[in-house]
């Protein structure tokens, strides 16, 4: 059975199937923030989406992070490492992209288990 959480006009923020929870691309709301600030805000939203689906960041399996400026990746990595404990790091890829719309610097997609 598939369970969908937090409907928006174009998607559900979290979709669960077979014990896996998929969180769609998550960006910040305040695009005036620097990379660290945008990362913190996006990760806080992911915490809420995971909780809504009955799981948490300690159960992350994978993450794909899209950034518009790879030179700012060290700022993102600092926030990422503060957010997660070393024993709970998921498999991860960081991908440079030309544009995420507006002034967004980062978009994060994660998969977790329940």
PDB file of N, CA and C in Angstrom:
ATOM      1  N   UNK A   1       0.832  -1.181   0.000  1.00  0.00           N
ATOM      2  CA  UNK A   1       0.000   0.000   0.000  1.00  0.00           C
ATOM      3  C   UNK A   1       0.879   1.247   0.000  1.00  0.00           C
ATOM      4  N   UNK A   2       0.461   2.243  -0.705  1.00  0.00           N
ATOM      5  CA  UNK A   2       1.179   3.511  -0.776  1.00  0.00           C
ATOM      6  C   UNK A   2       0.453   4.540   0.081  1.00  0.00           C
ATOM      7  N   UNK A   3       1.227   5.249   0.910  1.00  0.00           N
ATOM      8  CA  UNK A   3       0.674   6.307   1.747  1.00  0.00           C
ATOM      9  C   UNK A   3       1.343   7.609   1.342  1.00  0.00           C
ATOM     10  N   UNK A   4       0.539   8.631   1.146  1.00  0.00           N
ATOM     11  CA  UNK A   4       1.050   9.938   0.719  1.00  0.00           C
ATOM     12  C   UNK A   4       0.797  10.964   1.818  1.00  0.00           C
ATOM     13  N   UNK A   5       1.790  11.812   2.058  1.00  0.00           N
ATOM     14  CA  UNK A   5       1.705  12.808   3.124  1.00  0.00           C
ATOM     15  C   UNK A   5       1.972  14.207   2.558  1.00  0.00           C
ATOM     16  N   UNK A   6       1.310  15.195   3.133  1.00  0.00           N
ATOM     17  CA  UNK A   6       1.585  16.611   2.874  1.00  0.00           C
ATOM     18  C   UNK A   6       1.429  16.980   1.395  1.00  0.00           C
ATOM     19  N   UNK A   7       0.201  16.940   0.964  1.00  0.00           N
ATOM     20  CA  UNK A   7      -0.113  17.250  -0.434  1.00  0.00           C
ATOM     21  C   UNK A   7       0.135  18.722  -0.736  1.00  0.00           C
ATOM     22  N   UNK A   8       0.702  18.982  -1.895  1.00  0.00           N
ATOM     23  CA  UNK A   8       0.845  20.331  -2.442  1.00  0.00           C
ATOM     24  C   UNK A   8       0.097  20.334  -3.776  1.00  0.00           C
ATOM     25  N   UNK A   9       0.024  21.463  -4.456  1.00  0.00           N
ATOM     26  CA  UNK A   9      -0.663  21.463  -5.755  1.00  0.00           C
ATOM     27  C   UNK A   9      -0.010  20.555  -6.803  1.00  0.00           C
ATOM     28  N   UNK A  10       1.291  20.252  -6.650  1.00  0.00           N
ATOM     29  CA  UNK A  10       1.977  19.472  -7.684  1.00  0.00           C
ATOM     30  C   UNK A  10       2.532  18.131  -7.219  1.00  0.00           C
ATOM     31  N   UNK A  11       2.514  17.854  -5.912  1.00  0.00           N
ATOM     32  CA  UNK A  11       3.105  16.608  -5.422  1.00  0.00           C
ATOM     33  C   UNK A  11       2.721  16.391  -3.963  1.00  0.00           C
ATOM     34  N   UNK A  12       3.159  15.281  -3.414  1.00  0.00           N
ATOM     35  CA  UNK A  12       3.124  15.046  -1.975  1.00  0.00           C
ATOM     36  C   UNK A  12       4.559  15.173  -1.485  1.00  0.00           C
ATOM     37  N   UNK A  13       4.766  15.809  -0.351  1.00  0.00           N
ATOM     38  CA  UNK A  13       6.118  16.002   0.177  1.00  0.00           C
ATOM     39  C   UNK A  13       6.784  14.684   0.535  1.00  0.00           C
ATOM     40  N   UNK A  14       5.986  13.719   1.009  1.00  0.00           N
ATOM     41  CA  UNK A  14       6.518  12.407   1.383  1.00  0.00           C
ATOM     42  C   UNK A  14       5.577  11.321   0.868  1.00  0.00           C
ATOM     43  N   UNK A  15       6.171  10.280   0.309  1.00  0.00           N
ATOM     44  CA  UNK A  15       5.404   9.137  -0.169  1.00  0.00           C
ATOM     45  C   UNK A  15       6.055   7.886   0.409  1.00  0.00           C
ATOM     46  N   UNK A  16       5.227   7.037   1.009  1.00  0.00           N
ATOM     47  CA  UNK A  16       5.722   5.806   1.628  1.00  0.00           C
ATOM     48  C   UNK A  16       5.197   4.601   0.876  1.00  0.00           C
ATOM     49  N   UNK A  17       6.100   3.649   0.630  1.00  0.00           N
ATOM     50  CA  UNK A  17       5.704   2.393   0.002  1.00  0.00           C
ATOM     51  C   UNK A  17       6.708   1.318   0.400  1.00  0.00           C
ATOM     52  N   UNK A  18       6.202   0.170   0.818  1.00  0.00           N
ATOM     53  CA  UNK A  18       7.069  -0.947   1.144  1.00  0.00           C
ATOM     54  C   UNK A  18       8.089  -0.646   2.236  1.00  0.00           C
ATOM     55  N   UNK A  19       7.718   0.197   3.182  1.00  0.00           N
ATOM     56  CA  UNK A  19       8.624   0.532   4.272  1.00  0.00           C
ATOM     57  C   UNK A  19       9.644   1.602   3.951  1.00  0.00           C
ATOM     58  N   UNK A  20       9.622   2.118   2.722  1.00  0.00           N
ATOM     59  CA  UNK A  20      10.515   3.208   2.324  1.00  0.00           C
ATOM     60  C   UNK A  20       9.736   4.509   2.265  1.00  0.00           C
ATOM     61  N   UNK A  21      10.402   5.583   2.643  1.00  0.00           N
ATOM     62  CA  UNK A  21       9.800   6.916   2.606  1.00  0.00           C
ATOM     63  C   UNK A  21      10.625   7.782   1.668  1.00  0.00           C
ATOM     64  N   UNK A  22       9.975   8.327   0.665  1.00  0.00           N
ATOM     65  CA  UNK A  22      10.624   9.160  -0.341  1.00  0.00           C
ATOM     66  C   UNK A  22      10.219  10.608  -0.108  1.00  0.00           C
ATOM     67  N   UNK A  23      11.203  11.466   0.083  1.00  0.00           N
ATOM     68  CA  UNK A  23      10.950  12.896   0.275  1.00  0.00           C
ATOM     69  C   UNK A  23      11.372  13.608  -1.008  1.00  0.00           C
ATOM     70  N   UNK A  24      10.429  14.321  -1.607  1.00  0.00           N
ATOM     71  CA  UNK A  24      10.710  15.025  -2.858  1.00  0.00           C
ATOM     72  C   UNK A  24      11.682  16.176  -2.666  1.00  0.00           C
ATOM     73  N   UNK A  25      12.066  16.786  -3.755  1.00  0.00           N
ATOM     74  CA  UNK A  25      13.010  17.897  -3.728  1.00  0.00           C
ATOM     75  C   UNK A  25      12.575  18.985  -2.756  1.00  0.00           C
ATOM     76  N   UNK A  26      13.443  19.287  -1.797  1.00  0.00           N
ATOM     77  CA  UNK A  26      13.120  20.244  -0.743  1.00  0.00           C
ATOM     78  C   UNK A  26      14.087  21.415  -0.820  1.00  0.00           C
ATOM     79  N   UNK A  27      13.524  22.612  -0.881  1.00  0.00           N
ATOM     80  CA  UNK A  27      14.317  23.839  -0.900  1.00  0.00           C
ATOM     81  C   UNK A  27      13.929  24.677   0.316  1.00  0.00           C
ATOM     82  N   UNK A  28      14.600  25.786   0.471  1.00  0.00           N
ATOM     83  CA  UNK A  28      14.264  26.691   1.574  1.00  0.00           C
ATOM     84  C   UNK A  28      13.143  27.636   1.136  1.00  0.00           C
ATOM     85  N   UNK A  29      12.582  28.352   2.078  1.00  0.00           N
ATOM     86  CA  UNK A  29      11.591  29.377   1.767  1.00  0.00           C
ATOM     87  C   UNK A  29      12.247  30.744   1.617  1.00  0.00           C
ATOM     88  N   UNK A  30      13.306  30.991   2.381  1.00  0.00           N
ATOM     89  CA  UNK A  30      13.985  32.290   2.370  1.00  0.00           C
ATOM     90  C   UNK A  30      15.227  32.216   1.488  1.00  0.00           C
ATOM     91  N   UNK A  31      15.054  32.565   0.228  1.00  0.00           N
ATOM     92  CA  UNK A  31      16.148  32.476  -0.735  1.00  0.00           C
ATOM     93  C   UNK A  31      17.176  33.602  -0.590  1.00  0.00           C
ATOM     94  N   UNK A  32      16.970  34.504   0.360  1.00  0.00           N
ATOM     95  CA  UNK A  32      17.982  35.537   0.602  1.00  0.00           C
ATOM     96  C   UNK A  32      19.115  35.002   1.474  1.00  0.00           C
ATOM     97  N   UNK A  33      18.923  33.819   2.052  1.00  0.00           N
ATOM     98  CA  UNK A  33      19.945  33.217   2.912  1.00  0.00           C
ATOM     99  C   UNK A  33      21.143  32.741   2.091  1.00  0.00           C
ATOM    100  N   UNK A  34      22.293  32.634   2.753  1.00  0.00           N
ATOM    101  CA  UNK A  34      23.471  32.071   2.101  1.00  0.00           C
ATOM    102  C   UNK A  34      23.317  30.548   2.033  1.00  0.00           C
ATOM    103  N   UNK A  35      24.327  29.866   1.494  1.00  0.00           N
ATOM    104  CA  UNK A  35      24.243  28.414   1.327  1.00  0.00           C
ATOM    105  C   UNK A  35      24.002  27.709   2.666  1.00  0.00           C
ATOM    106  N   UNK A  36      24.707  28.103   3.700  1.00  0.00           N
ATOM    107  CA  UNK A  36      24.518  27.466   5.007  1.00  0.00           C
ATOM    108  C   UNK A  36      23.095  27.670   5.507  1.00  0.00           C
ATOM    109  N   UNK A  37      22.583  28.874   5.390  1.00  0.00           N
ATOM    110  CA  UNK A  37      21.227  29.167   5.844  1.00  0.00           C
ATOM    111  C   UNK A  37      20.179  28.412   5.041  1.00  0.00           C
ATOM    112  N   UNK A  38      20.338  28.374   3.722  1.00  0.00           N
ATOM    113  CA  UNK A  38      19.389  27.640   2.889  1.00  0.00           C
ATOM    114  C   UNK A  38      19.437  26.148   3.202  1.00  0.00           C
ATOM    115  N   UNK A  39      20.629  25.623   3.458  1.00  0.00           N
ATOM    116  CA  UNK A  39      20.770  24.209   3.794  1.00  0.00           C
ATOM    117  C   UNK A  39      20.072  23.920   5.121  1.00  0.00           C
ATOM    118  N   UNK A  40      20.321  24.743   6.131  1.00  0.00           N
ATOM    119  CA  UNK A  40      19.677  24.554   7.437  1.00  0.00           C
ATOM    120  C   UNK A  40      18.155  24.541   7.309  1.00  0.00           C
ATOM    121  N   UNK A  41      17.633  25.496   6.559  1.00  0.00           N
ATOM    122  CA  UNK A  41      16.180  25.600   6.414  1.00  0.00           C
ATOM    123  C   UNK A  41      15.606  24.392   5.671  1.00  0.00           C
ATOM    124  N   UNK A  42      16.272  23.953   4.606  1.00  0.00           N
ATOM    125  CA  UNK A  42      15.796  22.777   3.868  1.00  0.00           C
ATOM    126  C   UNK A  42      15.848  21.529   4.746  1.00  0.00           C
ATOM    127  N   UNK A  43      16.911  21.367   5.528  1.00  0.00           N
ATOM    128  CA  UNK A  43      17.025  20.192   6.398  1.00  0.00           C
ATOM    129  C   UNK A  43      15.978  20.217   7.509  1.00  0.00           C
ATOM    130  N   UNK A  44      15.643  21.384   8.012  1.00  0.00           N
ATOM    131  CA  UNK A  44      14.586  21.491   9.026  1.00  0.00           C
ATOM    132  C   UNK A  44      13.241  21.052   8.438  1.00  0.00           C
ATOM    133  N   UNK A  45      12.997  21.413   7.190  1.00  0.00           N
ATOM    134  CA  UNK A  45      11.765  20.979   6.531  1.00  0.00           C
ATOM    135  C   UNK A  45      11.766  19.464   6.339  1.00  0.00           C
ATOM    136  N   UNK A  46      12.918  18.909   5.968  1.00  0.00           N
ATOM    137  CA  UNK A  46      13.021  17.461   5.796  1.00  0.00           C
ATOM    138  C   UNK A  46      12.737  16.754   7.116  1.00  0.00           C
ATOM    139  N   UNK A  47      13.250  17.292   8.225  1.00  0.00           N
ATOM    140  CA  UNK A  47      12.937  16.716   9.540  1.00  0.00           C
ATOM    141  C   UNK A  47      11.425  16.624   9.739  1.00  0.00           C
ATOM    142  N   UNK A  48      10.709  17.691   9.402  1.00  0.00           N
ATOM    143  CA  UNK A  48       9.248  17.703   9.561  1.00  0.00           C
ATOM    144  C   UNK A  48       8.577  16.699   8.634  1.00  0.00           C
ATOM    145  N   UNK A  49       9.025  16.615   7.400  1.00  0.00           N
ATOM    146  CA  UNK A  49       8.417  15.695   6.435  1.00  0.00           C
ATOM    147  C   UNK A  49       8.648  14.245   6.865  1.00  0.00           C
ATOM    148  N   UNK A  50       9.857  13.938   7.327  1.00  0.00           N
ATOM    149  CA  UNK A  50      10.143  12.589   7.807  1.00  0.00           C
ATOM    150  C   UNK A  50       9.258  12.240   9.004  1.00  0.00           C
ATOM    151  N   UNK A  51       9.115  13.178   9.938  1.00  0.00           N
ATOM    152  CA  UNK A  51       8.278  12.946  11.119  1.00  0.00           C
ATOM    153  C   UNK A  51       6.830  12.695  10.709  1.00  0.00           C
ATOM    154  N   UNK A  52       6.335  13.444   9.759  1.00  0.00           N
ATOM    155  CA  UNK A  52       4.969  13.256   9.272  1.00  0.00           C
ATOM    156  C   UNK A  52       4.771  11.838   8.737  1.00  0.00           C
ATOM    157  N   UNK A  53       5.830  11.270   8.154  1.00  0.00           N
ATOM    158  CA  UNK A  53       5.756   9.917   7.599  1.00  0.00           C
ATOM    159  C   UNK A  53       6.156   8.848   8.620  1.00  0.00           C
ATOM    160  N   UNK A  54       6.407   9.252   9.865  1.00  0.00           N
ATOM    161  CA  UNK A  54       6.694   8.286  10.911  1.00  0.00           C
ATOM    162  C   UNK A  54       8.120   7.783  10.969  1.00  0.00           C
ATOM    163  N   UNK A  55       9.052   8.595  10.501  1.00  0.00           N
ATOM    164  CA  UNK A  55      10.459   8.206  10.538  1.00  0.00           C
ATOM    165  C   UNK A  55      11.308   9.412  10.908  1.00  0.00           C
ATOM    166  N   UNK A  56      12.619   9.286  10.805  1.00  0.00           N
ATOM    167  CA  UNK A  56      13.493  10.412  11.133  1.00  0.00           C
ATOM    168  C   UNK A  56      14.822  10.274  10.408  1.00  0.00           C
ATOM    169  N   UNK A  57      15.670  11.267  10.586  1.00  0.00           N
ATOM    170  CA  UNK A  57      16.928  11.336   9.833  1.00  0.00           C
ATOM    171  C   UNK A  57      17.902  10.211  10.164  1.00  0.00           C
ATOM    172  N   UNK A  58      17.725   9.533  11.300  1.00  0.00           N
ATOM    173  CA  UNK A  58      18.612   8.409  11.619  1.00  0.00           C
ATOM    174  C   UNK A  58      18.338   7.208  10.722  1.00  0.00           C
ATOM    175  N   UNK A  59      17.248   7.267   9.967  1.00  0.00           N
ATOM    176  CA  UNK A  59      16.880   6.159   9.086  1.00  0.00           C
ATOM    177  C   UNK A  59      17.045   6.511   7.608  1.00  0.00           C
ATOM    178  N   UNK A  60      17.802   7.568   7.337  1.00  0.00           N
ATOM    179  CA  UNK A  60      18.070   7.922   5.940  1.00  0.00           C
ATOM    180  C   UNK A  60      18.906   6.836   5.274  1.00  0.00           C
ATOM    181  N   UNK A  61      18.556   6.537   4.037  1.00  0.00           N
ATOM    182  CA  UNK A  61      19.312   5.582   3.237  1.00  0.00           C
ATOM    183  C   UNK A  61      20.132   6.274   2.158  1.00  0.00           C
ATOM    184  N   UNK A  62      19.535   7.280   1.528  1.00  0.00           N
ATOM    185  CA  UNK A  62      20.234   7.981   0.453  1.00  0.00           C
ATOM    186  C   UNK A  62      19.791   9.436   0.388  1.00  0.00           C
ATOM    187  N   UNK A  63      20.664  10.239  -0.199  1.00  0.00           N
ATOM    188  CA  UNK A  63      20.369  11.656  -0.414  1.00  0.00           C
ATOM    189  C   UNK A  63      21.002  12.086  -1.723  1.00  0.00           C
ATOM    190  N   UNK A  64      20.274  12.888  -2.466  1.00  0.00           N
ATOM    191  CA  UNK A  64      20.816  13.552  -3.646  1.00  0.00           C
ATOM    192  C   UNK A  64      20.631  15.036  -3.417  1.00  0.00           C
ATOM    193  N   UNK A  65      21.733  15.763  -3.526  1.00  0.00           N
ATOM    194  CA  UNK A  65      21.727  17.194  -3.247  1.00  0.00           C
ATOM    195  C   UNK A  65      22.118  17.923  -4.524  1.00  0.00           C
ATOM    196  N   UNK A  66      21.265  18.843  -4.938  1.00  0.00           N
ATOM    197  CA  UNK A  66      21.508  19.643  -6.130  1.00  0.00           C
ATOM    198  C   UNK A  66      21.923  21.040  -5.671  1.00  0.00           C
ATOM    199  N   UNK A  67      23.049  21.527  -6.171  1.00  0.00           N
ATOM    200  CA  UNK A  67      23.528  22.858  -5.803  1.00  0.00           C
ATOM    201  C   UNK A  67      23.852  23.644  -7.069  1.00  0.00           C
ATOM    202  N   UNK A  68      23.591  24.943  -7.002  1.00  0.00           N
ATOM    203  CA  UNK A  68      23.862  25.783  -8.177  1.00  0.00           C
ATOM    204  C   UNK A  68      25.287  26.311  -8.191  1.00  0.00           C
ATOM    205  N   UNK A  69      25.976  26.233  -7.056  1.00  0.00           N
ATOM    206  CA  UNK A  69      27.357  26.728  -6.981  1.00  0.00           C
ATOM    207  C   UNK A  69      28.200  25.717  -6.215  1.00  0.00           C
ATOM    208  N   UNK A  70      28.914  24.874  -6.959  1.00  0.00           N
ATOM    209  CA  UNK A  70      29.718  23.849  -6.301  1.00  0.00           C
ATOM    210  C   UNK A  70      30.805  24.441  -5.414  1.00  0.00           C
ATOM    211  N   UNK A  71      31.207  25.666  -5.674  1.00  0.00           N
ATOM    212  CA  UNK A  71      32.206  26.315  -4.827  1.00  0.00           C
ATOM    213  C   UNK A  71      31.689  26.514  -3.400  1.00  0.00           C
ATOM    214  N   UNK A  72      30.366  26.501  -3.226  1.00  0.00           N
ATOM    215  CA  UNK A  72      29.763  26.663  -1.901  1.00  0.00           C
ATOM    216  C   UNK A  72      29.501  25.324  -1.201  1.00  0.00           C
ATOM    217  N   UNK A  73      29.898  24.223  -1.830  1.00  0.00           N
ATOM    218  CA  UNK A  73      29.670  22.902  -1.247  1.00  0.00           C
ATOM    219  C   UNK A  73      30.268  22.761   0.153  1.00  0.00           C
ATOM    220  N   UNK A  74      31.456  23.313   0.447  1.00  0.00           N
ATOM    221  CA  UNK A  74      31.972  23.191   1.820  1.00  0.00           C
ATOM    222  C   UNK A  74      31.038  23.797   2.875  1.00  0.00           C
ATOM    223  N   UNK A  75      30.351  24.897   2.553  1.00  0.00           N
ATOM    224  CA  UNK A  75      29.382  25.487   3.489  1.00  0.00           C
ATOM    225  C   UNK A  75      28.224  24.521   3.729  1.00  0.00           C
ATOM    226  N   UNK A  76      27.740  23.909   2.648  1.00  0.00           N
ATOM    227  CA  UNK A  76      26.659  22.940   2.758  1.00  0.00           C
ATOM    228  C   UNK A  76      27.120  21.740   3.568  1.00  0.00           C
ATOM    229  N   UNK A  77      28.326  21.250   3.304  1.00  0.00           N
ATOM    230  CA  UNK A  77      28.843  20.082   4.021  1.00  0.00           C
ATOM    231  C   UNK A  77      28.943  20.328   5.526  1.00  0.00           C
ATOM    232  N   UNK A  78      29.322  21.530   5.928  1.00  0.00           N
ATOM    233  CA  UNK A  78      29.424  21.853   7.354  1.00  0.00           C
ATOM    234  C   UNK A  78      28.070  21.712   8.036  1.00  0.00           C
ATOM    235  N   UNK A  79      27.028  22.241   7.419  1.00  0.00           N
ATOM    236  CA  UNK A  79      25.675  22.148   7.978  1.00  0.00           C
ATOM    237  C   UNK A  79      25.198  20.697   7.957  1.00  0.00           C
ATOM    238  N   UNK A  80      25.455  20.003   6.870  1.00  0.00           N
ATOM    239  CA  UNK A  80      25.057  18.603   6.725  1.00  0.00           C
ATOM    240  C   UNK A  80      25.660  17.750   7.843  1.00  0.00           C
ATOM    241  N   UNK A  81      26.958  17.924   8.097  1.00  0.00           N
ATOM    242  CA  UNK A  81      27.642  17.137   9.125  1.00  0.00           C
ATOM    243  C   UNK A  81      27.143  17.480  10.531  1.00  0.00           C
ATOM    244  N   UNK A  82      26.727  18.715  10.745  1.00  0.00           N
ATOM    245  CA  UNK A  82      26.171  19.102  12.050  1.00  0.00           C
ATOM    246  C   UNK A  82      24.770  18.526  12.238  1.00  0.00           C
ATOM    247  N   UNK A  83      24.045  18.317  11.150  1.00  0.00           N
ATOM    248  CA  UNK A  83      22.678  17.812  11.193  1.00  0.00           C
ATOM    249  C   UNK A  83      22.620  16.307  11.471  1.00  0.00           C
ATOM    250  N   UNK A  84      23.593  15.576  10.962  1.00  0.00           N
ATOM    251  CA  UNK A  84      23.588  14.115  11.070  1.00  0.00           C
ATOM    252  C   UNK A  84      24.736  13.618  11.936  1.00  0.00           C
ATOM    253  N   UNK A  85      24.459  12.569  12.692  1.00  0.00           N
ATOM    254  CA  UNK A  85      25.520  11.912  13.444  1.00  0.00           C
ATOM    255  C   UNK A  85      26.320  11.025  12.483  1.00  0.00           C
ATOM    256  N   UNK A  86      27.624  10.888  12.698  1.00  0.00           N
ATOM    257  CA  UNK A  86      28.464  10.104  11.778  1.00  0.00           C
ATOM    258  C   UNK A  86      27.976   8.675  11.547  1.00  0.00           C
ATOM    259  N   UNK A  87      27.370   8.049  12.543  1.00  0.00           N
ATOM    260  CA  UNK A  87      26.893   6.670  12.386  1.00  0.00           C
ATOM    261  C   UNK A  87      25.623   6.568  11.545  1.00  0.00           C
ATOM    262  N   UNK A  88      25.016   7.706  11.201  1.00  0.00           N
ATOM    263  CA  UNK A  88      23.760   7.684  10.454  1.00  0.00           C
ATOM    264  C   UNK A  88      23.859   8.393   9.111  1.00  0.00           C
ATOM    265  N   UNK A  89      25.062   8.535   8.576  1.00  0.00           N
ATOM    266  CA  UNK A  89      25.217   9.181   7.274  1.00  0.00           C
ATOM    267  C   UNK A  89      24.668   8.268   6.178  1.00  0.00           C
ATOM    268  N   UNK A  90      23.833   8.805   5.282  1.00  0.00           N
ATOM    269  CA  UNK A  90      23.318   8.002   4.172  1.00  0.00           C
ATOM    270  C   UNK A  90      24.310   7.990   3.010  1.00  0.00           C
ATOM    271  N   UNK A  91      24.047   7.141   2.030  1.00  0.00           N
ATOM    272  CA  UNK A  91      24.744   7.267   0.753  1.00  0.00           C
ATOM    273  C   UNK A  91      24.331   8.621   0.179  1.00  0.00           C
ATOM    274  N   UNK A  92      25.273   9.314  -0.489  1.00  0.00           N
ATOM    275  CA  UNK A  92      24.950  10.674  -0.904  1.00  0.00           C
ATOM    276  C   UNK A  92      25.667  11.049  -2.193  1.00  0.00           C
ATOM    277  N   UNK A  93      24.987  11.849  -3.004  1.00  0.00           N
ATOM    278  CA  UNK A  93      25.593  12.449  -4.185  1.00  0.00           C
ATOM    279  C   UNK A  93      25.263  13.933  -4.179  1.00  0.00           C
ATOM    280  N   UNK A  94      26.222  14.747  -4.569  1.00  0.00           N
ATOM    281  CA  UNK A  94      25.995  16.180  -4.734  1.00  0.00           C
ATOM    282  C   UNK A  94      26.208  16.492  -6.207  1.00  0.00           C
ATOM    283  N   UNK A  95      25.223  17.137  -6.809  1.00  0.00           N
ATOM    284  CA  UNK A  95      25.216  17.382  -8.240  1.00  0.00           C
ATOM    285  C   UNK A  95      25.147  18.883  -8.502  1.00  0.00           C
ATOM    286  N   UNK A  96      26.035  19.391  -9.316  1.00  0.00           N
ATOM    287  CA  UNK A  96      25.974  20.792  -9.724  1.00  0.00           C
ATOM    288  C   UNK A  96      24.957  20.968 -10.835  1.00  0.00           C
ATOM    289  N   UNK A  97      24.095  21.966 -10.678  1.00  0.00           N
ATOM    290  CA  UNK A  97      23.072  22.267 -11.680  1.00  0.00           C
ATOM    291  C   UNK A  97      23.134  23.752 -12.023  1.00  0.00           C
ATOM    292  N   UNK A  98      22.645  24.093 -13.186  1.00  0.00           N
ATOM    293  CA  UNK A  98      22.700  25.483 -13.634  1.00  0.00           C
ATOM    294  C   UNK A  98      21.723  26.380 -12.883  1.00  0.00           C
ATOM    295  N   UNK A  99      20.540  25.862 -12.574  1.00  0.00           N
ATOM    296  CA  UNK A  99      19.498  26.720 -12.020  1.00  0.00           C
ATOM    297  C   UNK A  99      18.469  25.880 -11.277  1.00  0.00           C
ATOM    298  N   UNK A 100      18.022  26.375 -10.130  1.00  0.00           N
ATOM    299  CA  UNK A 100      16.944  25.735  -9.372  1.00  0.00           C
ATOM    300  C   UNK A 100      15.712  26.630  -9.300  1.00  0.00           C
ATOM    301  N   UNK A 101      15.758  27.736  -9.990  1.00  0.00           N
ATOM    302  CA  UNK A 101      14.656  28.690  -9.961  1.00  0.00           C
ATOM    303  C   UNK A 101      14.872  29.730  -8.882  1.00  0.00           C
ATOM    304  N   UNK A 102      14.525  30.950  -9.171  1.00  0.00           N
ATOM    305  CA  UNK A 102      14.703  32.041  -8.209  1.00  0.00           C
ATOM    306  C   UNK A 102      16.151  32.137  -7.771  1.00  0.00           C
ATOM    307  N   UNK A 103      16.356  32.354  -6.470  1.00  0.00           N
ATOM    308  CA  UNK A 103      17.700  32.426  -5.908  1.00  0.00           C
ATOM    309  C   UNK A 103      18.033  31.206  -5.064  1.00  0.00           C
ATOM    310  N   UNK A 104      17.338  30.104  -5.322  1.00  0.00           N
ATOM    311  CA  UNK A 104      17.615  28.866  -4.588  1.00  0.00           C
ATOM    312  C   UNK A 104      19.015  28.382  -4.936  1.00  0.00           C
ATOM    313  N   UNK A 105      19.769  28.031  -3.905  1.00  0.00           N
ATOM    314  CA  UNK A 105      21.124  27.514  -4.079  1.00  0.00           C
ATOM    315  C   UNK A 105      21.182  25.999  -3.912  1.00  0.00           C
ATOM    316  N   UNK A 106      20.146  25.406  -3.295  1.00  0.00           N
ATOM    317  CA  UNK A 106      20.194  23.990  -2.948  1.00  0.00           C
ATOM    318  C   UNK A 106      18.800  23.374  -2.969  1.00  0.00           C
ATOM    319  N   UNK A 107      18.731  22.113  -3.404  1.00  0.00           N
ATOM    320  CA  UNK A 107      17.522  21.299  -3.338  1.00  0.00           C
ATOM    321  C   UNK A 107      17.953  19.901  -2.921  1.00  0.00           C
ATOM    322  N   UNK A 108      17.234  19.311  -1.968  1.00  0.00           N
ATOM    323  CA  UNK A 108      17.634  18.034  -1.390  1.00  0.00           C
ATOM    324  C   UNK A 108      16.518  17.005  -1.539  1.00  0.00           C
ATOM    325  N   UNK A 109      16.886  15.818  -2.001  1.00  0.00           N
ATOM    326  CA  UNK A 109      15.977  14.686  -2.136  1.00  0.00           C
ATOM    327  C   UNK A 109      16.520  13.563  -1.248  1.00  0.00           C
ATOM    328  N   UNK A 110      15.669  12.962  -0.408  1.00  0.00           N
ATOM    329  CA  UNK A 110      16.143  11.879   0.457  1.00  0.00           C
ATOM    330  C   UNK A 110      15.180  10.698   0.419  1.00  0.00           C
ATOM    331  N   UNK A 111      15.729   9.531   0.746  1.00  0.00           N
ATOM    332  CA  UNK A 111      14.952   8.327   0.946  1.00  0.00           C
ATOM    333  C   UNK A 111      15.328   7.758   2.301  1.00  0.00           C
ATOM    334  N   UNK A 112      14.314   7.360   3.069  1.00  0.00           N
ATOM    335  CA  UNK A 112      14.524   6.778   4.392  1.00  0.00           C
ATOM    336  C   UNK A 112      13.695   5.509   4.506  1.00  0.00           C
ATOM    337  N   UNK A 113      13.910   4.773   5.565  1.00  0.00           N
ATOM    338  CA  UNK A 113      13.054   3.632   5.871  1.00  0.00           C
ATOM    339  C   UNK A 113      12.291   3.936   7.150  1.00  0.00           C
ATOM    340  N   UNK A 114      11.247   3.174   7.396  1.00  0.00           N
ATOM    341  CA  UNK A 114      10.467   3.365   8.620  1.00  0.00           C
ATOM    342  C   UNK A 114      11.047   2.554   9.743  1.00  0.00           C
TER     343      UNK A 114
END
